[in-house]
N, C-alpha and C. Protein backbone atom coordinates (compact mmCIF):
# COMPACT_ATOMS: atom_id res chain seq x y z
N MET A 1 88.03 67.74 10.56
CA MET A 1 86.60 67.75 10.68
C MET A 1 86.26 67.83 12.15
N ASN A 2 85.52 68.78 12.48
CA ASN A 2 85.15 69.03 13.85
C ASN A 2 83.70 68.56 14.04
N PHE A 3 83.56 67.36 14.61
CA PHE A 3 82.22 66.79 14.81
C PHE A 3 81.90 66.84 16.29
N LYS A 4 80.93 67.62 16.62
CA LYS A 4 80.50 67.73 18.00
C LYS A 4 79.15 67.05 18.16
N MET A 5 79.03 66.27 19.20
CA MET A 5 77.78 65.58 19.50
C MET A 5 77.00 66.42 20.49
N ASN A 6 75.72 66.60 20.21
CA ASN A 6 74.87 67.28 21.18
C ASN A 6 73.64 66.43 21.42
N TRP A 7 72.81 66.84 22.34
CA TRP A 7 71.65 66.05 22.74
C TRP A 7 70.67 65.83 21.58
N GLY A 8 70.49 66.79 20.76
CA GLY A 8 69.55 66.68 19.64
C GLY A 8 69.97 65.60 18.66
N LYS A 9 71.27 65.61 18.29
CA LYS A 9 71.77 64.60 17.34
C LYS A 9 71.73 63.19 17.98
N GLY A 10 72.04 63.09 19.22
CA GLY A 10 72.00 61.81 19.92
C GLY A 10 70.59 61.25 20.00
N LEU A 11 69.65 62.14 20.30
CA LEU A 11 68.26 61.71 20.39
C LEU A 11 67.73 61.25 19.03
N ILE A 12 68.07 61.97 17.98
CA ILE A 12 67.66 61.56 16.62
C ILE A 12 68.32 60.22 16.26
N GLY A 13 69.58 60.05 16.64
CA GLY A 13 70.27 58.78 16.37
C GLY A 13 69.60 57.60 17.07
N VAL A 14 69.20 57.79 18.32
CA VAL A 14 68.53 56.73 19.07
C VAL A 14 67.18 56.40 18.42
N PHE A 15 66.43 57.42 18.02
CA PHE A 15 65.14 57.18 17.35
C PHE A 15 65.33 56.43 16.03
N CYS A 16 66.37 56.80 15.28
CA CYS A 16 66.64 56.11 14.01
C CYS A 16 67.01 54.65 14.25
N LEU A 17 67.84 54.37 15.24
CA LEU A 17 68.19 52.98 15.56
C LEU A 17 66.96 52.20 16.02
N PHE A 18 66.11 52.82 16.81
CA PHE A 18 64.89 52.18 17.27
C PHE A 18 63.98 51.84 16.08
N ALA A 19 63.79 52.79 15.17
CA ALA A 19 62.94 52.57 14.00
C ALA A 19 63.52 51.47 13.12
N LEU A 20 64.84 51.45 12.94
CA LEU A 20 65.49 50.41 12.15
C LEU A 20 65.29 49.04 12.81
N GLY A 21 65.45 48.97 14.12
CA GLY A 21 65.24 47.71 14.85
C GLY A 21 63.80 47.22 14.75
N MET A 22 62.84 48.12 14.90
CA MET A 22 61.43 47.74 14.79
C MET A 22 61.09 47.28 13.37
N GLY A 23 61.64 47.95 12.38
CA GLY A 23 61.41 47.54 10.99
C GLY A 23 61.98 46.16 10.73
N THR A 24 63.18 45.88 11.24
CA THR A 24 63.79 44.56 11.09
C THR A 24 62.95 43.49 11.79
N LEU A 25 62.48 43.79 12.99
CA LEU A 25 61.64 42.86 13.74
C LEU A 25 60.34 42.57 12.98
N ALA A 26 59.70 43.60 12.44
CA ALA A 26 58.45 43.42 11.70
C ALA A 26 58.69 42.59 10.45
N TYR A 27 59.79 42.82 9.76
CA TYR A 27 60.11 42.06 8.55
C TYR A 27 60.33 40.58 8.88
N LYS A 28 61.13 40.30 9.91
CA LYS A 28 61.38 38.90 10.28
C LYS A 28 60.11 38.21 10.77
N ALA A 29 59.27 38.91 11.51
CA ALA A 29 58.03 38.32 12.01
C ALA A 29 57.09 37.99 10.86
N SER A 30 57.07 38.83 9.83
CA SER A 30 56.17 38.56 8.70
C SER A 30 56.67 37.39 7.85
N ARG A 31 57.93 37.05 7.93
CA ARG A 31 58.50 35.95 7.14
C ARG A 31 58.49 34.62 7.88
N THR A 32 58.10 34.60 9.16
CA THR A 32 58.09 33.39 9.96
C THR A 32 56.87 32.56 9.62
N LYS A 33 57.09 31.26 9.39
CA LYS A 33 55.99 30.35 9.08
C LYS A 33 55.38 29.83 10.38
N LEU A 34 54.07 29.98 10.51
CA LEU A 34 53.37 29.52 11.70
C LEU A 34 52.32 28.50 11.28
N ASP A 35 52.44 27.27 11.80
CA ASP A 35 51.44 26.24 11.56
C ASP A 35 50.55 26.15 12.79
N LEU A 36 49.25 26.23 12.57
CA LEU A 36 48.31 26.08 13.68
C LEU A 36 48.25 24.61 14.08
N VAL A 37 47.87 24.36 15.29
CA VAL A 37 47.70 22.99 15.75
C VAL A 37 46.63 22.31 14.91
N SER A 38 45.60 23.05 14.60
CA SER A 38 44.50 22.52 13.79
C SER A 38 43.88 23.67 13.01
N ASN A 39 43.54 23.43 11.77
CA ASN A 39 42.86 24.46 10.99
C ASN A 39 41.43 24.66 11.46
N GLU A 40 40.86 23.67 12.11
CA GLU A 40 39.49 23.74 12.63
C GLU A 40 39.53 23.74 14.16
N TYR A 41 40.31 24.63 14.72
CA TYR A 41 40.57 24.66 16.15
C TYR A 41 39.28 24.74 16.97
N TYR A 42 38.39 25.66 16.63
CA TYR A 42 37.19 25.87 17.44
C TYR A 42 36.22 24.69 17.33
N LYS A 43 36.10 24.11 16.15
CA LYS A 43 35.25 22.93 15.99
C LYS A 43 35.82 21.77 16.80
N ASP A 44 37.15 21.63 16.80
CA ASP A 44 37.79 20.57 17.58
C ASP A 44 37.57 20.77 19.07
N GLU A 45 37.57 22.01 19.54
CA GLU A 45 37.34 22.29 20.95
C GLU A 45 35.94 21.88 21.38
N LEU A 46 34.96 22.05 20.51
CA LEU A 46 33.59 21.66 20.86
C LEU A 46 33.46 20.15 21.00
N ARG A 47 34.31 19.39 20.32
CA ARG A 47 34.26 17.93 20.40
C ARG A 47 35.23 17.40 21.46
N TYR A 48 35.80 18.26 22.28
CA TYR A 48 36.81 17.84 23.24
C TYR A 48 36.24 16.89 24.30
N GLN A 49 34.97 17.03 24.65
CA GLN A 49 34.38 16.11 25.64
C GLN A 49 34.41 14.68 25.14
N ASP A 50 34.22 14.48 23.82
CA ASP A 50 34.32 13.13 23.25
C ASP A 50 35.72 12.57 23.45
N LYS A 51 36.71 13.43 23.31
CA LYS A 51 38.11 13.01 23.50
C LYS A 51 38.35 12.62 24.96
N ILE A 52 37.82 13.40 25.88
CA ILE A 52 37.98 13.10 27.31
C ILE A 52 37.32 11.76 27.64
N ASP A 53 36.12 11.54 27.13
CA ASP A 53 35.44 10.26 27.36
C ASP A 53 36.24 9.12 26.76
N GLY A 54 36.80 9.32 25.57
CA GLY A 54 37.63 8.30 24.94
C GLY A 54 38.88 7.99 25.73
N MET A 55 39.51 9.02 26.31
CA MET A 55 40.70 8.80 27.15
C MET A 55 40.33 8.02 28.41
N ASN A 56 39.17 8.34 28.99
CA ASN A 56 38.73 7.60 30.18
C ASN A 56 38.48 6.14 29.85
N ASN A 57 37.84 5.87 28.72
CA ASN A 57 37.60 4.48 28.31
C ASN A 57 38.92 3.76 28.02
N ALA A 58 39.86 4.46 27.37
CA ALA A 58 41.15 3.84 27.03
C ALA A 58 41.98 3.56 28.28
N SER A 59 41.77 4.34 29.34
CA SER A 59 42.54 4.11 30.58
C SER A 59 42.11 2.83 31.28
N LYS A 60 40.96 2.30 30.92
CA LYS A 60 40.44 1.09 31.55
C LYS A 60 40.95 -0.18 30.87
N ILE A 61 41.61 -0.04 29.73
CA ILE A 61 42.16 -1.19 29.01
C ILE A 61 43.65 -0.95 28.80
N SER A 62 44.34 -1.94 28.24
CA SER A 62 45.79 -1.78 28.03
C SER A 62 46.06 -0.79 26.89
N ASP A 63 47.29 -0.32 26.82
CA ASP A 63 47.69 0.69 25.85
C ASP A 63 47.87 0.09 24.46
N ILE A 64 47.82 0.98 23.47
CA ILE A 64 48.18 0.59 22.11
C ILE A 64 49.70 0.48 22.06
N ASP A 65 50.20 -0.60 21.50
CA ASP A 65 51.65 -0.83 21.39
C ASP A 65 52.10 -0.41 19.99
N ILE A 66 53.05 0.50 19.90
CA ILE A 66 53.56 0.97 18.61
C ILE A 66 55.02 0.53 18.49
N THR A 67 55.31 -0.23 17.45
CA THR A 67 56.68 -0.69 17.20
C THR A 67 57.04 -0.40 15.74
N GLN A 68 58.34 -0.53 15.45
CA GLN A 68 58.78 -0.32 14.08
C GLN A 68 59.94 -1.24 13.75
N ASP A 69 60.06 -1.55 12.49
CA ASP A 69 61.24 -2.25 11.99
C ASP A 69 61.78 -1.39 10.84
N THR A 70 62.56 -1.94 9.97
CA THR A 70 63.21 -1.13 8.94
C THR A 70 62.25 -0.59 7.89
N THR A 71 61.11 -1.24 7.69
CA THR A 71 60.20 -0.80 6.61
C THR A 71 58.78 -0.48 7.06
N THR A 72 58.40 -0.86 8.28
CA THR A 72 57.01 -0.67 8.72
C THR A 72 56.91 -0.15 10.15
N VAL A 73 55.76 0.44 10.42
CA VAL A 73 55.35 0.81 11.78
C VAL A 73 54.11 -0.03 12.07
N THR A 74 54.09 -0.70 13.22
CA THR A 74 52.97 -1.58 13.56
C THR A 74 52.28 -1.09 14.82
N LEU A 75 50.97 -0.96 14.75
CA LEU A 75 50.16 -0.64 15.93
C LEU A 75 49.42 -1.90 16.33
N LYS A 76 49.54 -2.26 17.60
CA LYS A 76 48.82 -3.42 18.13
C LYS A 76 47.81 -2.90 19.13
N PHE A 77 46.55 -3.11 18.81
CA PHE A 77 45.47 -2.63 19.66
C PHE A 77 45.35 -3.52 20.90
N PRO A 78 44.73 -3.01 21.97
CA PRO A 78 44.65 -3.76 23.23
C PRO A 78 44.02 -5.14 23.05
N ALA A 79 44.56 -6.10 23.80
CA ALA A 79 44.08 -7.48 23.74
C ALA A 79 42.61 -7.58 24.17
N GLU A 80 42.15 -6.66 25.01
CA GLU A 80 40.76 -6.68 25.46
C GLU A 80 39.78 -6.48 24.30
N LEU A 81 40.27 -5.91 23.21
CA LEU A 81 39.39 -5.65 22.06
C LEU A 81 39.48 -6.72 20.99
N LYS A 82 40.22 -7.78 21.27
CA LYS A 82 40.39 -8.85 20.29
C LYS A 82 39.03 -9.43 19.92
N GLY A 83 38.81 -9.58 18.63
CA GLY A 83 37.54 -10.09 18.13
C GLY A 83 36.51 -9.01 17.87
N SER A 84 36.76 -7.78 18.35
CA SER A 84 35.85 -6.66 18.10
C SER A 84 36.23 -5.97 16.79
N LYS A 85 35.24 -5.45 16.10
CA LYS A 85 35.51 -4.66 14.91
C LYS A 85 35.94 -3.27 15.38
N ILE A 86 37.11 -2.84 14.95
CA ILE A 86 37.66 -1.56 15.36
C ILE A 86 37.60 -0.60 14.17
N ASP A 87 36.95 0.54 14.37
CA ASP A 87 36.87 1.59 13.36
C ASP A 87 37.50 2.85 13.92
N GLY A 88 38.02 3.69 13.05
CA GLY A 88 38.55 4.96 13.51
C GLY A 88 39.66 5.47 12.63
N GLU A 89 40.53 6.28 13.25
CA GLU A 89 41.57 6.96 12.50
C GLU A 89 42.85 7.05 13.32
N ILE A 90 43.97 6.90 12.63
CA ILE A 90 45.29 7.10 13.23
C ILE A 90 45.84 8.39 12.65
N PHE A 91 46.17 9.33 13.51
CA PHE A 91 46.66 10.64 13.06
C PHE A 91 48.10 10.79 13.54
N PHE A 92 49.03 10.77 12.61
CA PHE A 92 50.44 11.04 12.90
C PHE A 92 50.61 12.55 12.81
N TYR A 93 50.61 13.22 13.97
CA TYR A 93 50.70 14.68 14.03
C TYR A 93 52.15 15.08 14.28
N CYS A 94 52.70 15.88 13.37
CA CYS A 94 54.07 16.37 13.50
C CYS A 94 54.02 17.82 14.00
N PRO A 95 54.44 18.07 15.25
CA PRO A 95 54.37 19.42 15.79
C PRO A 95 55.29 20.41 15.06
N LYS A 96 56.32 19.90 14.41
CA LYS A 96 57.30 20.79 13.77
C LYS A 96 56.84 21.30 12.41
N GLU A 97 56.09 20.47 11.67
CA GLU A 97 55.74 20.84 10.30
C GLU A 97 54.44 20.18 9.90
N GLU A 98 53.47 21.00 9.56
CA GLU A 98 52.15 20.50 9.20
C GLU A 98 52.20 19.59 7.96
N ALA A 99 53.13 19.83 7.06
CA ALA A 99 53.24 19.04 5.83
C ALA A 99 53.56 17.57 6.13
N ASN A 100 54.09 17.26 7.31
CA ASN A 100 54.44 15.89 7.69
C ASN A 100 53.27 15.14 8.33
N ASP A 101 52.15 15.81 8.59
CA ASP A 101 51.00 15.16 9.21
C ASP A 101 50.42 14.11 8.26
N VAL A 102 50.02 12.97 8.84
CA VAL A 102 49.43 11.89 8.06
C VAL A 102 48.23 11.32 8.81
N LYS A 103 47.09 11.20 8.11
CA LYS A 103 45.90 10.56 8.68
C LYS A 103 45.68 9.25 7.94
N ILE A 104 45.48 8.19 8.71
CA ILE A 104 45.31 6.86 8.14
C ILE A 104 44.07 6.22 8.78
N PRO A 105 43.14 5.73 7.97
CA PRO A 105 41.99 5.02 8.55
C PRO A 105 42.43 3.68 9.16
N ILE A 106 41.74 3.26 10.19
CA ILE A 106 42.09 2.01 10.85
C ILE A 106 41.52 0.84 10.06
N HIS A 107 42.41 -0.08 9.72
CA HIS A 107 42.05 -1.35 9.07
C HIS A 107 42.84 -2.45 9.77
N ALA A 108 42.52 -2.67 11.04
CA ALA A 108 43.24 -3.67 11.83
C ALA A 108 42.84 -5.07 11.37
N ASP A 109 43.82 -5.99 11.41
CA ASP A 109 43.52 -7.39 11.06
C ASP A 109 42.81 -8.07 12.23
N THR A 110 42.54 -9.36 12.09
CA THR A 110 41.78 -10.09 13.13
C THR A 110 42.52 -10.19 14.45
N SER A 111 43.85 -10.06 14.42
CA SER A 111 44.61 -10.12 15.66
C SER A 111 44.75 -8.74 16.32
N GLY A 112 44.16 -7.71 15.71
CA GLY A 112 44.23 -6.37 16.29
C GLY A 112 45.48 -5.60 15.91
N ARG A 113 46.09 -5.94 14.80
CA ARG A 113 47.32 -5.26 14.34
C ARG A 113 47.03 -4.44 13.09
N GLN A 114 47.70 -3.30 13.01
CA GLN A 114 47.68 -2.53 11.76
C GLN A 114 49.13 -2.20 11.41
N VAL A 115 49.48 -2.52 10.17
CA VAL A 115 50.84 -2.29 9.68
C VAL A 115 50.80 -1.11 8.70
N ILE A 116 51.72 -0.17 8.92
CA ILE A 116 51.81 1.04 8.09
C ILE A 116 53.20 1.08 7.48
N ALA A 117 53.28 1.28 6.19
CA ALA A 117 54.58 1.38 5.51
C ALA A 117 55.28 2.67 5.91
N LYS A 118 56.57 2.58 6.19
CA LYS A 118 57.33 3.76 6.59
C LYS A 118 57.44 4.79 5.48
N ASN A 119 57.33 4.34 4.22
CA ASN A 119 57.44 5.33 3.15
C ASN A 119 56.23 6.25 3.09
N ASP A 120 55.17 5.97 3.88
CA ASP A 120 54.03 6.87 4.01
C ASP A 120 54.30 7.97 5.04
N LEU A 121 55.37 7.81 5.83
CA LEU A 121 55.71 8.74 6.91
C LEU A 121 57.08 9.37 6.67
N LYS A 122 57.33 10.45 7.38
CA LYS A 122 58.65 11.10 7.36
C LYS A 122 59.45 10.60 8.55
N TYR A 123 60.75 10.69 8.47
CA TYR A 123 61.61 10.30 9.58
C TYR A 123 61.70 11.49 10.53
N THR A 124 60.77 11.56 11.47
CA THR A 124 60.69 12.68 12.39
C THR A 124 59.90 12.26 13.63
N GLN A 125 59.70 13.18 14.55
CA GLN A 125 58.94 12.92 15.76
C GLN A 125 57.46 13.20 15.50
N TYR A 126 56.62 12.31 15.97
CA TYR A 126 55.18 12.44 15.82
C TYR A 126 54.49 12.28 17.17
N GLN A 127 53.31 12.85 17.26
CA GLN A 127 52.35 12.47 18.29
C GLN A 127 51.35 11.59 17.56
N VAL A 128 51.24 10.36 17.96
CA VAL A 128 50.31 9.43 17.32
C VAL A 128 49.00 9.50 18.09
N LYS A 129 47.99 10.08 17.45
CA LYS A 129 46.67 10.25 18.06
C LYS A 129 45.72 9.24 17.41
N VAL A 130 45.24 8.30 18.21
CA VAL A 130 44.39 7.24 17.68
C VAL A 130 42.99 7.41 18.27
N THR A 131 42.03 7.66 17.39
CA THR A 131 40.63 7.75 17.77
C THR A 131 39.95 6.52 17.19
N TYR A 132 39.41 5.67 18.08
CA TYR A 132 38.83 4.43 17.59
C TYR A 132 37.61 4.05 18.41
N LYS A 133 36.79 3.18 17.81
CA LYS A 133 35.57 2.75 18.51
C LYS A 133 35.29 1.30 18.18
N THR A 134 34.61 0.68 19.10
CA THR A 134 34.10 -0.68 18.91
C THR A 134 32.58 -0.58 18.96
N ASP A 135 31.92 -1.70 19.02
CA ASP A 135 30.45 -1.68 19.11
C ASP A 135 29.97 -1.02 20.40
N LYS A 136 30.80 -1.08 21.44
CA LYS A 136 30.36 -0.63 22.76
C LYS A 136 30.85 0.77 23.14
N ASN A 137 32.13 1.08 22.86
CA ASN A 137 32.73 2.30 23.39
C ASN A 137 33.57 3.03 22.36
N ASN A 138 33.80 4.32 22.66
CA ASN A 138 34.75 5.13 21.91
C ASN A 138 36.02 5.23 22.73
N TYR A 139 37.18 5.27 22.04
CA TYR A 139 38.47 5.33 22.72
C TYR A 139 39.33 6.40 22.06
N TYR A 140 40.26 6.93 22.86
CA TYR A 140 41.24 7.90 22.34
C TYR A 140 42.56 7.64 23.04
N SER A 141 43.62 7.57 22.24
CA SER A 141 44.96 7.34 22.78
C SER A 141 45.93 8.28 22.09
N GLN A 142 46.91 8.77 22.84
CA GLN A 142 47.92 9.65 22.27
C GLN A 142 49.29 9.24 22.80
N ASN A 143 50.25 9.02 21.88
CA ASN A 143 51.60 8.59 22.24
C ASN A 143 52.63 9.36 21.45
N GLU A 144 53.76 9.62 22.07
CA GLU A 144 54.90 10.20 21.36
C GLU A 144 55.62 9.06 20.62
N PHE A 145 56.06 9.34 19.41
CA PHE A 145 56.73 8.31 18.61
C PHE A 145 57.68 8.94 17.62
N ILE A 146 58.87 8.37 17.48
CA ILE A 146 59.85 8.86 16.51
C ILE A 146 60.04 7.79 15.44
N VAL A 147 59.78 8.16 14.20
CA VAL A 147 60.00 7.25 13.08
C VAL A 147 61.49 7.34 12.73
N LYS A 148 62.17 6.19 12.85
CA LYS A 148 63.62 6.14 12.62
C LYS A 148 63.92 5.43 11.31
N LYS A 149 65.06 5.74 10.77
CA LYS A 149 65.50 5.10 9.51
C LYS A 149 65.91 3.67 9.75
């Protein structure tokens, strides 16, 4: 078999390889799962000034302490807020998978503690975003946290 390569066949071969590569890339891109940071991204951006004000207020008091034992995760709110009624939400945001996100309303006891059962959470890394308010101020705190077995 006498197979001679010429410029025309080589050029067609390169175009075919390019088309095959682009088709493979398009197929893989269409199968990739993408979770948005928030489904209401633009609405959240409009409320960002509230978050900034909350971070400024939270910087004036001590941090929220997050600890865990074998069965629970405990959030201890700042001692400066002891005796105040605390309302708000704890958002366990998982950057890796939206299905692991958990929102929990704040129901702190009189000592400023909230206990969360670990079986409500996945064993993974979270950003714990706490939006809370007292009679006087709004607060916002964000901490990295890994729920361990």
